[in-house]
Amino acid sequence: MKSENRPSHVTKGDVFDDLGLSRSEASALKVKATLLDAILREIEKQGYTQSQLVEILDEYQPSVSNLTRGKIAQVSVEKLLTYSDRLRMRTTLTVQLSSKAHRKGRVHTGLHARSGARASSGSPSARRDAAAIG
């Protein structure tokens, strides 16, 4: 007899809400997931091997393995930011109040990471990016 693949639960909103996480826990996981996804896309785009990543990221092989396997619980946001920097990616964080969230006191957080040359620290765009993060 063939078993059917039926969803046991349908998410109508945010999956993190369905998991019963607090807003701060959900936001932290969203930031980590977004950053990890961008890093993994860059690794794939560049075609890096794990041994190359050990050198580039200045990390031990088990940590590189955890990263490439997407083990989000094994790595901090700070470590992901360090990895993105070593991969020559630029990361920006924006926090804004959405009109719907404003009524309920919620804040929308967005994180964007992309590869490319980084602006020098004295340039207007670098100061603007630092202001956006800080």
C-alpha atoms as a PDB file:
ATOM      1  CA  MET A   1       0.000   0.000   0.000  1.00  0.00           C
ATOM      2  CA  LYS A   2       1.315   3.402  -1.008  1.00  0.00           C
ATOM      3  CA  SER A   3       1.414   6.150   1.583  1.00  0.00           C
ATOM      4  CA  GLU A   4       0.240   9.587   0.593  1.00  0.00           C
ATOM      5  CA  ASN A   5       2.400  12.654   1.101  1.00  0.00           C
ATOM      6  CA  ARG A   6      -0.069  14.972   2.710  1.00  0.00           C
ATOM      7  CA  PRO A   7       0.909  17.973   4.786  1.00  0.00           C
ATOM      8  CA  SER A   8      -0.097  17.516   8.403  1.00  0.00           C
ATOM      9  CA  HIS A   9      -0.121  21.253   8.994  1.00  0.00           C
ATOM     10  CA  VAL A  10      -0.563  24.178   6.636  1.00  0.00           C
ATOM     11  CA  THR A  11       1.145  27.431   7.579  1.00  0.00           C
ATOM     12  CA  LYS A  12      -0.998  30.454   6.861  1.00  0.00           C
ATOM     13  CA  GLY A  13       1.465  33.072   8.054  1.00  0.00           C
ATOM     14  CA  ASP A  14       4.980  32.946   9.376  1.00  0.00           C
ATOM     15  CA  VAL A  15       6.386  29.471  10.023  1.00  0.00           C
ATOM     16  CA  PHE A  16       8.325  30.836  13.006  1.00  0.00           C
ATOM     17  CA  ASP A  17       5.066  31.964  14.610  1.00  0.00           C
ATOM     18  CA  ASP A  18       3.675  28.467  14.099  1.00  0.00           C
ATOM     19  CA  LEU A  19       6.697  27.021  15.884  1.00  0.00           C
ATOM     20  CA  GLY A  20       5.826  29.053  18.956  1.00  0.00           C
ATOM     21  CA  LEU A  21       8.990  31.161  18.917  1.00  0.00           C
ATOM     22  CA  SER A  22       9.084  34.621  20.430  1.00  0.00           C
ATOM     23  CA  ARG A  23       9.390  37.537  18.023  1.00  0.00           C
ATOM     24  CA  SER A  24      13.036  38.084  18.978  1.00  0.00           C
ATOM     25  CA  GLU A  25      13.880  34.394  18.487  1.00  0.00           C
ATOM     26  CA  ALA A  26      12.081  34.367  15.141  1.00  0.00           C
ATOM     27  CA  SER A  27      13.863  37.540  14.010  1.00  0.00           C
ATOM     28  CA  ALA A  28      17.263  36.117  14.981  1.00  0.00           C
ATOM     29  CA  LEU A  29      16.574  32.912  13.036  1.00  0.00           C
ATOM     30  CA  LYS A  30      15.397  34.860   9.999  1.00  0.00           C
ATOM     31  CA  VAL A  31      18.571  36.955  10.020  1.00  0.00           C
ATOM     32  CA  LYS A  32      20.750  33.842  10.379  1.00  0.00           C
ATOM     33  CA  ALA A  33      18.873  32.005   7.636  1.00  0.00           C
ATOM     34  CA  THR A  34      19.086  34.946   5.227  1.00  0.00           C
ATOM     35  CA  LEU A  35      22.792  35.428   5.843  1.00  0.00           C
ATOM     36  CA  LEU A  36      23.549  31.708   5.633  1.00  0.00           C
ATOM     37  CA  ASP A  37      21.616  31.448   2.366  1.00  0.00           C
ATOM     38  CA  ALA A  38      23.575  34.346   0.837  1.00  0.00           C
ATOM     39  CA  ILE A  39      26.893  32.821   1.949  1.00  0.00           C
ATOM     40  CA  LEU A  40      25.995  29.399   0.545  1.00  0.00           C
ATOM     41  CA  ARG A  41      24.962  30.974  -2.778  1.00  0.00           C
ATOM     42  CA  GLU A  42      28.296  32.820  -2.953  1.00  0.00           C
ATOM     43  CA  ILE A  43      30.233  29.636  -2.149  1.00  0.00           C
ATOM     44  CA  GLU A  44      28.359  27.802  -4.904  1.00  0.00           C
ATOM     45  CA  LYS A  45      28.797  30.696  -7.348  1.00  0.00           C
ATOM     46  CA  GLN A  46      32.558  30.776  -6.761  1.00  0.00           C
ATOM     47  CA  GLY A  47      32.825  26.965  -6.791  1.00  0.00           C
ATOM     48  CA  TYR A  48      34.846  26.814  -3.580  1.00  0.00           C
ATOM     49  CA  THR A  49      35.805  23.429  -2.177  1.00  0.00           C
ATOM     50  CA  GLN A  50      35.761  22.751   1.562  1.00  0.00           C
ATOM     51  CA  SER A  51      39.565  22.781   1.645  1.00  0.00           C
ATOM     52  CA  GLN A  52      39.597  26.211  -0.035  1.00  0.00           C
ATOM     53  CA  LEU A  53      37.002  27.454   2.462  1.00  0.00           C
ATOM     54  CA  VAL A  54      39.149  26.260   5.371  1.00  0.00           C
ATOM     55  CA  GLU A  55      41.835  28.673   4.137  1.00  0.00           C
ATOM     56  CA  ILE A  56      39.547  31.546   3.098  1.00  0.00           C
ATOM     57  CA  LEU A  57      37.432  31.477   6.251  1.00  0.00           C
ATOM     58  CA  ASP A  58      40.395  30.653   8.525  1.00  0.00           C
ATOM     59  CA  GLU A  59      38.272  27.945  10.085  1.00  0.00           C
ATOM     60  CA  TYR A  60      38.594  24.295  11.028  1.00  0.00           C
ATOM     61  CA  GLN A  61      37.212  21.712   8.605  1.00  0.00           C
ATOM     62  CA  PRO A  62      34.329  20.549  10.865  1.00  0.00           C
ATOM     63  CA  SER A  63      33.068  24.146  11.094  1.00  0.00           C
ATOM     64  CA  VAL A  64      33.286  24.527   7.314  1.00  0.00           C
ATOM     65  CA  SER A  65      31.373  21.261   6.943  1.00  0.00           C
ATOM     66  CA  ASN A  66      28.648  22.524   9.312  1.00  0.00           C
ATOM     67  CA  LEU A  67      28.433  25.736   7.294  1.00  0.00           C
ATOM     68  CA  THR A  68      28.159  24.050   3.900  1.00  0.00           C
ATOM     69  CA  ARG A  69      25.574  21.597   5.242  1.00  0.00           C
ATOM     70  CA  GLY A  70      23.455  24.509   6.469  1.00  0.00           C
ATOM     71  CA  LYS A  71      23.591  23.658  10.165  1.00  0.00           C
ATOM     72  CA  ILE A  72      22.281  27.005  11.333  1.00  0.00           C
ATOM     73  CA  ALA A  73      22.256  26.100  15.025  1.00  0.00           C
ATOM     74  CA  GLN A  74      26.007  25.477  14.919  1.00  0.00           C
ATOM     75  CA  VAL A  75      26.993  29.032  13.959  1.00  0.00           C
ATOM     76  CA  SER A  76      26.336  32.508  15.384  1.00  0.00           C
ATOM     77  CA  VAL A  77      25.250  35.608  13.478  1.00  0.00           C
ATOM     78  CA  GLU A  78      28.621  37.163  14.341  1.00  0.00           C
ATOM     79  CA  LYS A  79      30.475  34.204  12.848  1.00  0.00           C
ATOM     80  CA  LEU A  80      28.326  34.363   9.708  1.00  0.00           C
ATOM     81  CA  LEU A  81      29.170  38.065   9.381  1.00  0.00           C
ATOM     82  CA  THR A  82      32.868  37.208   9.689  1.00  0.00           C
ATOM     83  CA  TYR A  83      32.484  34.550   6.992  1.00  0.00           C
ATOM     84  CA  SER A  84      30.678  36.963   4.679  1.00  0.00           C
ATOM     85  CA  ASP A  85      33.465  39.498   5.156  1.00  0.00           C
ATOM     86  CA  ARG A  86      36.143  36.909   4.375  1.00  0.00           C
ATOM     87  CA  LEU A  87      34.209  35.962   1.237  1.00  0.00           C
ATOM     88  CA  ARG A  88      34.334  39.667   0.260  1.00  0.00           C
ATOM     89  CA  MET A  89      30.581  40.077   0.568  1.00  0.00           C
ATOM     90  CA  ARG A  90      28.887  43.275   1.665  1.00  0.00           C
ATOM     91  CA  THR A  91      26.123  42.937   4.226  1.00  0.00           C
ATOM     92  CA  THR A  92      23.528  45.551   5.081  1.00  0.00           C
ATOM     93  CA  LEU A  93      20.771  45.430   7.661  1.00  0.00           C
ATOM     94  CA  THR A  94      17.614  47.481   7.528  1.00  0.00           C
ATOM     95  CA  VAL A  95      15.033  47.690  10.276  1.00  0.00           C
ATOM     96  CA  GLN A  96      11.754  49.398   9.565  1.00  0.00           C
ATOM     97  CA  LEU A  97       8.248  49.602  10.874  1.00  0.00           C
ATOM     98  CA  SER A  98       5.659  48.334   8.427  1.00  0.00           C
ATOM     99  CA  SER A  99       2.245  49.991   8.439  1.00  0.00           C
ATOM    100  CA  LYS A 100       0.548  46.769   9.572  1.00  0.00           C
ATOM    101  CA  ALA A 101       3.239  46.096  12.157  1.00  0.00           C
ATOM    102  CA  HIS A 102       3.026  49.689  13.388  1.00  0.00           C
ATOM    103  CA  ARG A 103      -0.518  49.072  14.585  1.00  0.00           C
ATOM    104  CA  LYS A 104       0.572  45.930  16.426  1.00  0.00           C
ATOM    105  CA  GLY A 105       3.970  47.178  17.591  1.00  0.00           C
ATOM    106  CA  ARG A 106       5.986  44.866  15.301  1.00  0.00           C
ATOM    107  CA  VAL A 107       9.237  45.685  13.574  1.00  0.00           C
ATOM    108  CA  HIS A 108      10.211  44.272  10.174  1.00  0.00           C
ATOM    109  CA  THR A 109      13.872  43.271   9.851  1.00  0.00           C
ATOM    110  CA  GLY A 110      15.610  42.737   6.536  1.00  0.00           C
ATOM    111  CA  LEU A 111      19.159  41.552   5.885  1.00  0.00           C
ATOM    112  CA  HIS A 112      20.855  41.632   2.527  1.00  0.00           C
ATOM    113  CA  ALA A 113      24.258  40.231   1.665  1.00  0.00           C
ATOM    114  CA  ARG A 114      25.919  40.404  -1.696  1.00  0.00           C
ATOM    115  CA  SER A 115      29.343  39.828  -3.137  1.00  0.00           C
ATOM    116  CA  GLY A 116      31.471  42.498  -4.697  1.00  0.00           C
ATOM    117  CA  ALA A 117      34.075  45.070  -3.911  1.00  0.00           C
ATOM    118  CA  ARG A 118      33.511  46.857  -0.650  1.00  0.00           C
ATOM    119  CA  ALA A 119      33.674  50.606  -0.416  1.00  0.00           C
ATOM    120  CA  SER A 120      36.603  52.095   1.474  1.00  0.00           C
ATOM    121  CA  SER A 121      35.796  53.069   5.038  1.00  0.00           C
ATOM    122  CA  GLY A 122      36.133  56.787   4.294  1.00  0.00           C
ATOM    123  CA  SER A 123      33.725  56.908   1.364  1.00  0.00           C
ATOM    124  CA  PRO A 124      30.222  58.383   1.697  1.00  0.00           C
ATOM    125  CA  SER A 125      28.629  55.034   0.810  1.00  0.00           C
ATOM    126  CA  ALA A 126      30.653  53.240   3.500  1.00  0.00           C
ATOM    127  CA  ARG A 127      29.626  55.833   6.099  1.00  0.00           C
ATOM    128  CA  ARG A 128      25.992  55.525   4.976  1.00  0.00           C
ATOM    129  CA  ASP A 129      26.164  51.713   5.208  1.00  0.00           C
ATOM    130  CA  ALA A 130      27.729  51.933   8.656  1.00  0.00           C
ATOM    131  CA  ALA A 131      24.963  54.299   9.721  1.00  0.00           C
ATOM    132  CA  ALA A 132      22.341  51.870   8.400  1.00  0.00           C
ATOM    133  CA  ILE A 133      23.834  49.064  10.483  1.00  0.00           C
ATOM    134  CA  GLY A 134      24.647  51.101  13.580  1.00  0.00           C
END
